[in-house]
Structure formats: structure tokens, C-alpha cells
Protein backbone atom coordinates (compact mmCIF):
# COMPACT_ATOMS: atom_id res chain seq x y z
CA MET A 1 164.36 -59.80 10.79
CA LEU A 2 165.63 -59.26 7.24
CA ILE A 3 169.12 -60.27 6.19
CA GLY A 4 170.37 -59.49 2.70
CA SER A 5 173.29 -60.68 0.63
CA PRO A 6 175.22 -57.90 -1.11
CA GLU A 7 176.63 -60.44 -3.57
CA THR A 8 173.28 -61.76 -4.82
CA GLY A 9 170.82 -59.08 -3.71
CA VAL A 10 168.65 -61.81 -2.15
CA VAL A 11 166.95 -60.95 1.15
CA GLY A 12 165.75 -63.56 3.64
CA ALA A 13 163.12 -62.97 6.33
CA TYR A 14 163.69 -64.78 9.62
CA GLU A 15 161.75 -64.98 12.88
CA ARG A 16 163.48 -62.62 15.26
CA GLY A 17 162.70 -64.10 18.64
CA SER A 18 163.67 -62.12 21.73
CA PRO A 19 167.38 -61.42 21.20
CA GLU A 20 168.58 -58.08 19.90
CA PHE A 21 170.98 -58.47 16.97
CA VAL A 22 173.70 -56.35 15.37
CA GLN A 23 175.53 -56.93 12.08
CA GLY A 24 178.39 -59.41 12.26
CA GLU A 25 181.71 -59.38 10.39
CA ASN A 26 180.20 -61.30 7.46
CA PRO A 27 177.14 -59.89 5.65
CA ARG A 28 175.23 -63.14 6.37
CA GLU A 29 176.03 -63.04 10.12
CA VAL A 30 174.39 -61.31 13.06
CA VAL A 31 175.53 -61.20 16.69
CA ASP A 32 173.17 -61.19 19.67
CA GLU A 33 173.63 -59.30 22.95
CA LEU A 34 175.57 -62.25 24.46
CA GLY A 35 178.04 -62.30 21.56
CA VAL A 36 176.60 -65.46 19.96
CA ILE A 37 177.03 -65.41 16.17
CA SER A 38 174.17 -66.60 13.95
CA THR A 39 174.45 -67.27 10.23
CA ALA A 40 171.64 -66.80 7.72
CA ARG A 41 171.01 -70.01 5.78
CA ASP A 42 168.31 -70.99 3.33
CA GLU A 43 166.17 -72.75 5.94
CA ALA A 44 166.92 -70.82 9.15
CA LEU A 45 169.08 -68.37 11.05
CA VAL A 46 171.44 -70.77 12.84
CA SER A 47 173.62 -69.82 15.82
CA ASP A 48 177.01 -71.22 16.78
CA ASP A 49 175.41 -72.86 19.83
CA GLY A 50 172.90 -74.80 17.67
CA CYS A 51 169.78 -72.67 18.18
CA SER A 52 167.84 -71.60 15.11
CA LEU A 53 165.13 -69.18 14.07
CA PRO A 54 163.12 -70.38 11.05
CA ARG A 55 163.01 -68.55 7.77
CA ILE A 56 159.64 -66.96 7.05
CA PRO A 57 158.10 -67.36 3.61
CA ALA A 58 158.38 -63.95 1.97
CA ARG A 59 158.40 -62.36 -1.45
CA GLU A 60 160.79 -59.70 -2.69
CA LEU A 61 159.43 -56.78 -4.64
CA PHE A 62 160.39 -53.27 -5.60
CA PHE A 63 159.55 -50.59 -3.06
CA PHE A 64 157.61 -48.50 -5.58
CA ALA A 65 155.21 -51.44 -6.06
CA TRP A 66 154.78 -51.86 -2.29
CA ALA A 67 154.30 -48.11 -1.80
CA ALA A 68 151.56 -48.05 -4.43
CA PHE A 69 149.50 -50.51 -2.35
CA PHE A 70 150.62 -49.28 1.10
CA PRO A 71 151.35 -45.54 0.77
CA GLY A 72 151.63 -44.98 4.55
CA THR A 73 154.61 -47.32 4.93
CA ASP A 74 157.46 -45.99 7.10
CA VAL A 75 161.01 -46.47 5.85
CA TYR A 76 163.73 -47.36 8.35
CA THR A 77 166.92 -45.46 7.51
CA GLY A 78 169.13 -46.79 10.29
CA GLU A 79 169.57 -43.34 11.83
């Protein structure tokens, strides 16, 4: 799962696990299907009940650079 910060433009990649998430009230928060809120932190995605999903090492790059190496990449538009 990718969670980005609109303030800094930084995107973190986190293991998703089995829950389905939707955007929370805060840009760094997601809510699972049971209503549990998780917050994106530097080391992990941490829920209010103490569970966590680790952050995955990842590298940010511009899409045009990615598309040059992987031209068949699908783009998720949220629709």
C-alpha cells in the first residue's frame, strides 16, 4: 500500500496485509473495514490497537522514468 503526504510529497510503501483500507480524515491515516484507524509512520503503518504493518524499502521516481523501463505499466486512476 502506498501512502503519500501532500505537505512533503513523500510517499511510503507499507505491507498491506489482509485488511481493506480507505482514506482516513488525516492524509497519513487509513481506516480498515472494522473502523480501526492506522497512521503512517517512518517505520510502519501503526493502528490504534497496536498492530503494525512494516514499511517496505522503496524508491521514489518520476513516472516518465518508470514508463521508459516498463512501458506496459497500468495506471490506477481511482475510478
